[in-house]
Amino acid sequence: MGFMEASMIKNIFLISYFLFFCGCQSNRHLNPDNYVYYVIDVNGTEPDAEFNDRGDAKDYVEKYKEFHTYRIVKAQHYTNQN
């Protein structure tokens, strides 16, 4: 009976090990901080652009700074469930 118990414990350990390391994955690795960056004109009411990277938002502001006075707003993504 001792061999059967040891085999069962080993199988349970292997199954739990497999489930732990091969479980569900989410898309949190795509945007670790779960924020988006909106580029909004100071006189506007809606964003002109949306970026996942602040650097891209800064590039956009620099590109159009001759024609607009933009601000970058950091916000939690609207589809985030946390």
PDB file of N, CA and C in Angstrom:
ATOM      1  N   MET A   1       0.813  -1.182   0.000  1.00  0.00           N
ATOM      2  CA  MET A   1       0.000   0.000   0.000  1.00  0.00           C
ATOM      3  C   MET A   1       0.866   1.259   0.000  1.00  0.00           C
ATOM      4  N   GLY A   2       2.061   1.188   0.544  1.00  0.00           N
ATOM      5  CA  GLY A   2       2.955   2.334   0.607  1.00  0.00           C
ATOM      6  C   GLY A   2       3.414   2.786  -0.771  1.00  0.00           C
ATOM      7  N   PHE A   3       3.658   1.820  -1.669  1.00  0.00           N
ATOM      8  CA  PHE A   3       4.080   2.164  -3.028  1.00  0.00           C
ATOM      9  C   PHE A   3       2.973   2.892  -3.775  1.00  0.00           C
ATOM     10  N   MET A   4       1.738   2.452  -3.590  1.00  0.00           N
ATOM     11  CA  MET A   4       0.608   3.059  -4.285  1.00  0.00           C
ATOM     12  C   MET A   4       0.379   4.492  -3.794  1.00  0.00           C
ATOM     13  N   GLU A   5       0.522   4.722  -2.505  1.00  0.00           N
ATOM     14  CA  GLU A   5       0.364   6.072  -1.961  1.00  0.00           C
ATOM     15  C   GLU A   5       1.465   7.000  -2.473  1.00  0.00           C
ATOM     16  N   ALA A   6       2.680   6.511  -2.546  1.00  0.00           N
ATOM     17  CA  ALA A   6       3.793   7.321  -3.043  1.00  0.00           C
ATOM     18  C   ALA A   6       3.591   7.658  -4.518  1.00  0.00           C
ATOM     19  N   SER A   7       3.105   6.696  -5.283  1.00  0.00           N
ATOM     20  CA  SER A   7       2.840   6.937  -6.697  1.00  0.00           C
ATOM     21  C   SER A   7       1.719   7.960  -6.873  1.00  0.00           C
ATOM     22  N   MET A   8       0.690   7.878  -6.042  1.00  0.00           N
ATOM     23  CA  MET A   8      -0.425   8.820  -6.131  1.00  0.00           C
ATOM     24  C   MET A   8       0.030  10.228  -5.745  1.00  0.00           C
ATOM     25  N   ILE A   9       0.816  10.350  -4.726  1.00  0.00           N
ATOM     26  CA  ILE A   9       1.335  11.657  -4.310  1.00  0.00           C
ATOM     27  C   ILE A   9       2.215  12.244  -5.410  1.00  0.00           C
ATOM     28  N   LYS A  10       3.037  11.411  -6.020  1.00  0.00           N
ATOM     29  CA  LYS A  10       3.895  11.861  -7.110  1.00  0.00           C
ATOM     30  C   LYS A  10       3.049  12.357  -8.282  1.00  0.00           C
ATOM     31  N   ASN A  11       2.006  11.627  -8.645  1.00  0.00           N
ATOM     32  CA  ASN A  11       1.129  12.035  -9.751  1.00  0.00           C
ATOM     33  C   ASN A  11       0.389  13.337  -9.431  1.00  0.00           C
ATOM     34  N   ILE A  12      -0.093  13.470  -8.217  1.00  0.00           N
ATOM     35  CA  ILE A  12      -0.778  14.700  -7.824  1.00  0.00           C
ATOM     36  C   ILE A  12       0.190  15.878  -7.885  1.00  0.00           C
ATOM     37  N   PHE A  13       1.420  15.668  -7.421  1.00  0.00           N
ATOM     38  CA  PHE A  13       2.427  16.725  -7.483  1.00  0.00           C
ATOM     39  C   PHE A  13       2.720  17.118  -8.935  1.00  0.00           C
ATOM     40  N   LEU A  14       2.881  16.144  -9.819  1.00  0.00           N
ATOM     41  CA  LEU A  14       3.166  16.432 -11.219  1.00  0.00           C
ATOM     42  C   LEU A  14       2.001  17.152 -11.899  1.00  0.00           C
ATOM     43  N   ILE A  15       0.785  16.754 -11.600  1.00  0.00           N
ATOM     44  CA  ILE A  15      -0.389  17.414 -12.181  1.00  0.00           C
ATOM     45  C   ILE A  15      -0.494  18.853 -11.693  1.00  0.00           C
ATOM     46  N   SER A  16      -0.308  19.068 -10.395  1.00  0.00           N
ATOM     47  CA  SER A  16      -0.393  20.439  -9.875  1.00  0.00           C
ATOM     48  C   SER A  16       0.755  21.294 -10.404  1.00  0.00           C
ATOM     49  N   TYR A  17       1.938  20.709 -10.549  1.00  0.00           N
ATOM     50  CA  TYR A  17       3.086  21.420 -11.127  1.00  0.00           C
ATOM     51  C   TYR A  17       2.769  21.835 -12.562  1.00  0.00           C
ATOM     52  N   PHE A  18       2.211  20.926 -13.348  1.00  0.00           N
ATOM     53  CA  PHE A  18       1.847  21.221 -14.732  1.00  0.00           C
ATOM     54  C   PHE A  18       0.795  22.329 -14.800  1.00  0.00           C
ATOM     55  N   LEU A  19      -0.242  22.247 -13.992  1.00  0.00           N
ATOM     56  CA  LEU A  19      -1.299  23.252 -14.013  1.00  0.00           C
ATOM     57  C   LEU A  19      -0.796  24.613 -13.569  1.00  0.00           C
ATOM     58  N   PHE A  20       0.118  24.629 -12.615  1.00  0.00           N
ATOM     59  CA  PHE A  20       0.659  25.901 -12.129  1.00  0.00           C
ATOM     60  C   PHE A  20       1.468  26.613 -13.210  1.00  0.00           C
ATOM     61  N   PHE A  21       2.316  25.891 -13.916  1.00  0.00           N
ATOM     62  CA  PHE A  21       3.186  26.515 -14.905  1.00  0.00           C
ATOM     63  C   PHE A  21       2.586  26.618 -16.307  1.00  0.00           C
ATOM     64  N   CYS A  22       1.510  25.932 -16.564  1.00  0.00           N
ATOM     65  CA  CYS A  22       0.900  25.973 -17.886  1.00  0.00           C
ATOM     66  C   CYS A  22      -0.536  26.496 -17.827  1.00  0.00           C
ATOM     67  N   GLY A  23      -0.851  27.274 -16.827  1.00  0.00           N
ATOM     68  CA  GLY A  23      -2.205  27.786 -16.653  1.00  0.00           C
ATOM     69  C   GLY A  23      -2.522  28.910 -17.615  1.00  0.00           C
ATOM     70  N   CYS A  24      -3.585  29.579 -17.357  1.00  0.00           N
ATOM     71  CA  CYS A  24      -4.055  30.665 -18.211  1.00  0.00           C
ATOM     72  C   CYS A  24      -3.073  31.829 -18.203  1.00  0.00           C
ATOM     73  N   GLN A  25      -2.971  32.468 -19.334  1.00  0.00           N
ATOM     74  CA  GLN A  25      -2.132  33.650 -19.452  1.00  0.00           C
ATOM     75  C   GLN A  25      -2.994  34.814 -19.880  1.00  0.00           C
ATOM     76  N   SER A  26      -2.596  36.002 -19.481  1.00  0.00           N
ATOM     77  CA  SER A  26      -3.351  37.187 -19.868  1.00  0.00           C
ATOM     78  C   SER A  26      -2.468  38.086 -20.726  1.00  0.00           C
ATOM     79  N   ASN A  27      -3.052  39.164 -21.210  1.00  0.00           N
ATOM     80  CA  ASN A  27      -2.325  40.111 -22.052  1.00  0.00           C
ATOM     81  C   ASN A  27      -1.632  41.204 -21.254  1.00  0.00           C
ATOM     82  N   ARG A  28      -1.450  41.028 -19.992  1.00  0.00           N
ATOM     83  CA  ARG A  28      -0.812  42.057 -19.166  1.00  0.00           C
ATOM     84  C   ARG A  28       0.633  42.306 -19.574  1.00  0.00           C
ATOM     85  N   HIS A  29       1.244  41.342 -20.222  1.00  0.00           N
ATOM     86  CA  HIS A  29       2.630  41.518 -20.628  1.00  0.00           C
ATOM     87  C   HIS A  29       2.763  42.485 -21.798  1.00  0.00           C
ATOM     88  N   LEU A  30       1.675  42.719 -22.532  1.00  0.00           N
ATOM     89  CA  LEU A  30       1.734  43.651 -23.644  1.00  0.00           C
ATOM     90  C   LEU A  30       1.859  45.083 -23.157  1.00  0.00           C
ATOM     91  N   ASN A  31       1.191  45.407 -22.086  1.00  0.00           N
ATOM     92  CA  ASN A  31       1.252  46.741 -21.505  1.00  0.00           C
ATOM     93  C   ASN A  31       1.290  46.578 -19.990  1.00  0.00           C
ATOM     94  N   PRO A  32       2.480  46.448 -19.415  1.00  0.00           N
ATOM     95  CA  PRO A  32       2.602  46.074 -18.013  1.00  0.00           C
ATOM     96  C   PRO A  32       1.890  47.004 -17.037  1.00  0.00           C
ATOM     97  N   ASP A  33       1.798  48.277 -17.339  1.00  0.00           N
ATOM     98  CA  ASP A  33       1.165  49.171 -16.380  1.00  0.00           C
ATOM     99  C   ASP A  33      -0.319  49.383 -16.660  1.00  0.00           C
ATOM    100  N   ASN A  34      -0.856  48.772 -17.709  1.00  0.00           N
ATOM    101  CA  ASN A  34      -2.281  48.853 -18.056  1.00  0.00           C
ATOM    102  C   ASN A  34      -2.787  50.277 -18.196  1.00  0.00           C
ATOM    103  N   TYR A  35      -1.964  51.146 -18.693  1.00  0.00           N
ATOM    104  CA  TYR A  35      -2.355  52.529 -18.924  1.00  0.00           C
ATOM    105  C   TYR A  35      -2.279  52.852 -20.409  1.00  0.00           C
ATOM    106  N   VAL A  36      -3.047  53.826 -20.817  1.00  0.00           N
ATOM    107  CA  VAL A  36      -2.967  54.361 -22.164  1.00  0.00           C
ATOM    108  C   VAL A  36      -2.668  55.848 -22.047  1.00  0.00           C
ATOM    109  N   TYR A  37      -2.117  56.381 -23.096  1.00  0.00           N
ATOM    110  CA  TYR A  37      -1.759  57.795 -23.129  1.00  0.00           C
ATOM    111  C   TYR A  37      -2.584  58.470 -24.220  1.00  0.00           C
ATOM    112  N   TYR A  38      -3.419  59.415 -23.808  1.00  0.00           N
ATOM    113  CA  TYR A  38      -4.252  60.155 -24.736  1.00  0.00           C
ATOM    114  C   TYR A  38      -3.594  61.493 -25.038  1.00  0.00           C
ATOM    115  N   VAL A  39      -3.594  61.870 -26.307  1.00  0.00           N
ATOM    116  CA  VAL A  39      -3.091  63.173 -26.721  1.00  0.00           C
ATOM    117  C   VAL A  39      -4.322  64.036 -26.999  1.00  0.00           C
ATOM    118  N   ILE A  40      -4.467  65.108 -26.199  1.00  0.00           N
ATOM    119  CA  ILE A  40      -5.653  65.952 -26.270  1.00  0.00           C
ATOM    120  C   ILE A  40      -5.224  67.399 -26.480  1.00  0.00           C
ATOM    121  N   ASP A  41      -5.903  68.083 -27.388  1.00  0.00           N
ATOM    122  CA  ASP A  41      -5.679  69.505 -27.576  1.00  0.00           C
ATOM    123  C   ASP A  41      -6.237  70.233 -26.352  1.00  0.00           C
ATOM    124  N   VAL A  42      -5.550  71.297 -25.902  1.00  0.00           N
ATOM    125  CA  VAL A  42      -5.988  71.999 -24.694  1.00  0.00           C
ATOM    126  C   VAL A  42      -7.375  72.605 -24.854  1.00  0.00           C
ATOM    127  N   ASN A  43      -7.789  72.885 -26.079  1.00  0.00           N
ATOM    128  CA  ASN A  43      -9.123  73.442 -26.319  1.00  0.00           C
ATOM    129  C   ASN A  43     -10.129  72.379 -26.752  1.00  0.00           C
ATOM    130  N   GLY A  44      -9.710  71.132 -26.813  1.00  0.00           N
ATOM    131  CA  GLY A  44     -10.585  70.060 -27.280  1.00  0.00           C
ATOM    132  C   GLY A  44     -11.275  69.345 -26.137  1.00  0.00           C
ATOM    133  N   THR A  45     -12.240  68.534 -26.506  1.00  0.00           N
ATOM    134  CA  THR A  45     -12.975  67.749 -25.507  1.00  0.00           C
ATOM    135  C   THR A  45     -12.737  66.251 -25.660  1.00  0.00           C
ATOM    136  N   GLU A  46     -12.219  65.838 -26.811  1.00  0.00           N
ATOM    137  CA  GLU A  46     -11.953  64.423 -27.057  1.00  0.00           C
ATOM    138  C   GLU A  46     -10.516  64.250 -27.507  1.00  0.00           C
ATOM    139  N   PRO A  47      -9.923  63.092 -27.200  1.00  0.00           N
ATOM    140  CA  PRO A  47      -8.533  62.865 -27.604  1.00  0.00           C
ATOM    141  C   PRO A  47      -8.367  62.788 -29.119  1.00  0.00           C
ATOM    142  N   ASP A  48      -7.242  63.286 -29.584  1.00  0.00           N
ATOM    143  CA  ASP A  48      -6.909  63.183 -31.007  1.00  0.00           C
ATOM    144  C   ASP A  48      -6.193  61.873 -31.315  1.00  0.00           C
ATOM    145  N   ALA A  49      -5.531  61.306 -30.308  1.00  0.00           N
ATOM    146  CA  ALA A  49      -4.798  60.058 -30.518  1.00  0.00           C
ATOM    147  C   ALA A  49      -4.697  59.303 -29.202  1.00  0.00           C
ATOM    148  N   GLU A  50      -4.466  58.004 -29.323  1.00  0.00           N
ATOM    149  CA  GLU A  50      -4.317  57.126 -28.162  1.00  0.00           C
ATOM    150  C   GLU A  50      -3.095  56.248 -28.387  1.00  0.00           C
ATOM    151  N   PHE A  51      -2.241  56.138 -27.360  1.00  0.00           N
ATOM    152  CA  PHE A  51      -1.011  55.353 -27.471  1.00  0.00           C
ATOM    153  C   PHE A  51      -0.838  54.486 -26.240  1.00  0.00           C
ATOM    154  N   ASN A  52      -0.153  53.373 -26.420  1.00  0.00           N
ATOM    155  CA  ASN A  52       0.201  52.504 -25.297  1.00  0.00           C
ATOM    156  C   ASN A  52       1.571  52.847 -24.738  1.00  0.00           C
ATOM    157  N   ASP A  53       2.328  53.650 -25.444  1.00  0.00           N
ATOM    158  CA  ASP A  53       3.681  54.012 -25.035  1.00  0.00           C
ATOM    159  C   ASP A  53       3.786  55.531 -24.948  1.00  0.00           C
ATOM    160  N   ARG A  54       4.323  56.033 -23.851  1.00  0.00           N
ATOM    161  CA  ARG A  54       4.447  57.480 -23.670  1.00  0.00           C
ATOM    162  C   ARG A  54       5.394  58.089 -24.702  1.00  0.00           C
ATOM    163  N   GLY A  55       6.409  57.361 -25.091  1.00  0.00           N
ATOM    164  CA  GLY A  55       7.343  57.854 -26.106  1.00  0.00           C
ATOM    165  C   GLY A  55       6.652  58.124 -27.437  1.00  0.00           C
ATOM    166  N   ASP A  56       5.749  57.238 -27.827  1.00  0.00           N
ATOM    167  CA  ASP A  56       4.989  57.449 -29.068  1.00  0.00           C
ATOM    168  C   ASP A  56       4.103  58.682 -28.956  1.00  0.00           C
ATOM    169  N   ALA A  57       3.515  58.889 -27.782  1.00  0.00           N
ATOM    170  CA  ALA A  57       2.670  60.064 -27.573  1.00  0.00           C
ATOM    171  C   ALA A  57       3.505  61.347 -27.656  1.00  0.00           C
ATOM    172  N   LYS A  58       4.701  61.322 -27.096  1.00  0.00           N
ATOM    173  CA  LYS A  58       5.583  62.497 -27.172  1.00  0.00           C
ATOM    174  C   LYS A  58       5.981  62.796 -28.613  1.00  0.00           C
ATOM    175  N   ASP A  59       6.255  61.739 -29.381  1.00  0.00           N
ATOM    176  CA  ASP A  59       6.600  61.929 -30.793  1.00  0.00           C
ATOM    177  C   ASP A  59       5.446  62.572 -31.560  1.00  0.00           C
ATOM    178  N   TYR A  60       4.226  62.145 -31.265  1.00  0.00           N
ATOM    179  CA  TYR A  60       3.042  62.712 -31.914  1.00  0.00           C
ATOM    180  C   TYR A  60       2.903  64.197 -31.569  1.00  0.00           C
ATOM    181  N   VAL A  61       3.095  64.536 -30.303  1.00  0.00           N
ATOM    182  CA  VAL A  61       2.994  65.934 -29.870  1.00  0.00           C
ATOM    183  C   VAL A  61       4.053  66.782 -30.571  1.00  0.00           C
ATOM    184  N   GLU A  62       5.267  66.264 -30.646  1.00  0.00           N
ATOM    185  CA  GLU A  62       6.343  66.999 -31.320  1.00  0.00           C
ATOM    186  C   GLU A  62       6.047  67.191 -32.807  1.00  0.00           C
ATOM    187  N   LYS A  63       5.467  66.188 -33.424  1.00  0.00           N
ATOM    188  CA  LYS A  63       5.192  66.248 -34.856  1.00  0.00           C
ATOM    189  C   LYS A  63       4.171  67.338 -35.197  1.00  0.00           C
ATOM    190  N   TYR A  64       3.170  67.527 -34.329  1.00  0.00           N
ATOM    191  CA  TYR A  64       2.088  68.470 -34.625  1.00  0.00           C
ATOM    192  C   TYR A  64       2.089  69.709 -33.728  1.00  0.00           C
ATOM    193  N   LYS A  65       3.198  69.982 -33.036  1.00  0.00           N
ATOM    194  CA  LYS A  65       3.208  71.111 -32.107  1.00  0.00           C
ATOM    195  C   LYS A  65       3.090  72.467 -32.811  1.00  0.00           C
ATOM    196  N   GLU A  66       3.388  72.524 -34.092  1.00  0.00           N
ATOM    197  CA  GLU A  66       3.257  73.778 -34.837  1.00  0.00           C
ATOM    198  C   GLU A  66       1.786  74.175 -35.004  1.00  0.00           C
ATOM    199  N   PHE A  67       0.900  73.182 -35.067  1.00  0.00           N
ATOM    200  CA  PHE A  67      -0.511  73.434 -35.351  1.00  0.00           C
ATOM    201  C   PHE A  67      -1.432  73.311 -34.133  1.00  0.00           C
ATOM    202  N   HIS A  68      -0.974  72.619 -33.082  1.00  0.00           N
ATOM    203  CA  HIS A  68      -1.831  72.354 -31.916  1.00  0.00           C
ATOM    204  C   HIS A  68      -1.036  72.532 -30.627  1.00  0.00           C
ATOM    205  N   THR A  69      -1.759  72.797 -29.563  1.00  0.00           N
ATOM    206  CA  THR A  69      -1.185  72.784 -28.226  1.00  0.00           C
ATOM    207  C   THR A  69      -1.728  71.542 -27.538  1.00  0.00           C
ATOM    208  N   TYR A  70      -0.928  70.489 -27.558  1.00  0.00           N
ATOM    209  CA  TYR A  70      -1.366  69.199 -27.040  1.00  0.00           C
ATOM    210  C   TYR A  70      -0.882  68.967 -25.619  1.00  0.00           C
ATOM    211  N   ARG A  71      -1.633  68.155 -24.907  1.00  0.00           N
ATOM    212  CA  ARG A  71      -1.244  67.641 -23.606  1.00  0.00           C
ATOM    213  C   ARG A  71      -1.400  66.133 -23.652  1.00  0.00           C
ATOM    214  N   ILE A  72      -0.550  65.452 -22.899  1.00  0.00           N
ATOM    215  CA  ILE A  72      -0.628  63.991 -22.798  1.00  0.00           C
ATOM    216  C   ILE A  72      -1.290  63.659 -21.475  1.00  0.00           C
ATOM    217  N   VAL A  73      -2.323  62.842 -21.547  1.00  0.00           N
ATOM    218  CA  VAL A  73      -3.057  62.430 -20.357  1.00  0.00           C
ATOM    219  C   VAL A  73      -2.887  60.932 -20.186  1.00  0.00           C
ATOM    220  N   LYS A  74      -2.416  60.537 -19.016  1.00  0.00           N
ATOM    221  CA  LYS A  74      -2.252  59.116 -18.707  1.00  0.00           C
ATOM    222  C   LYS A  74      -3.517  58.640 -18.000  1.00  0.00           C
ATOM    223  N   ALA A  75      -4.113  57.558 -18.512  1.00  0.00           N
ATOM    224  CA  ALA A  75      -5.349  57.050 -17.922  1.00  0.00           C
ATOM    225  C   ALA A  75      -5.345  55.532 -17.936  1.00  0.00           C
ATOM    226  N   GLN A  76      -6.097  54.974 -17.011  1.00  0.00           N
ATOM    227  CA  GLN A  76      -6.251  53.527 -16.999  1.00  0.00           C
ATOM    228  C   GLN A  76      -7.142  53.141 -18.170  1.00  0.00           C
ATOM    229  N   HIS A  77      -6.782  52.069 -18.848  1.00  0.00           N
ATOM    230  CA  HIS A  77      -7.519  51.655 -20.039  1.00  0.00           C
ATOM    231  C   HIS A  77      -8.962  51.323 -19.678  1.00  0.00           C
ATOM    232  N   TYR A  78      -9.905  51.716 -20.512  1.00  0.00           N
ATOM    233  CA  TYR A  78     -11.317  51.566 -20.204  1.00  0.00           C
ATOM    234  C   TYR A  78     -11.763  50.111 -20.143  1.00  0.00           C
ATOM    235  N   THR A  79     -11.008  49.194 -20.739  1.00  0.00           N
ATOM    236  CA  THR A  79     -11.399  47.778 -20.693  1.00  0.00           C
ATOM    237  C   THR A  79     -10.736  47.033 -19.537  1.00  0.00           C
ATOM    238  N   ASN A  80      -9.932  47.737 -18.742  1.00  0.00           N
ATOM    239  CA  ASN A  80      -9.277  47.090 -17.609  1.00  0.00           C
ATOM    240  C   ASN A  80     -10.302  46.740 -16.545  1.00  0.00           C
ATOM    241  N   GLN A  81     -10.305  45.521 -16.097  1.00  0.00           N
ATOM    242  CA  GLN A  81     -11.286  45.053 -15.129  1.00  0.00           C
ATOM    243  C   GLN A  81     -10.841  45.256 -13.684  1.00  0.00           C
ATOM    244  N   ASN A  82      -9.611  45.713 -13.462  1.00  0.00           N
ATOM    245  CA  ASN A  82      -9.101  45.875 -12.087  1.00  0.00           C
ATOM    246  C   ASN A  82      -9.533  47.182 -11.490  1.00  0.00           C
TER     247      ASN A  82
END
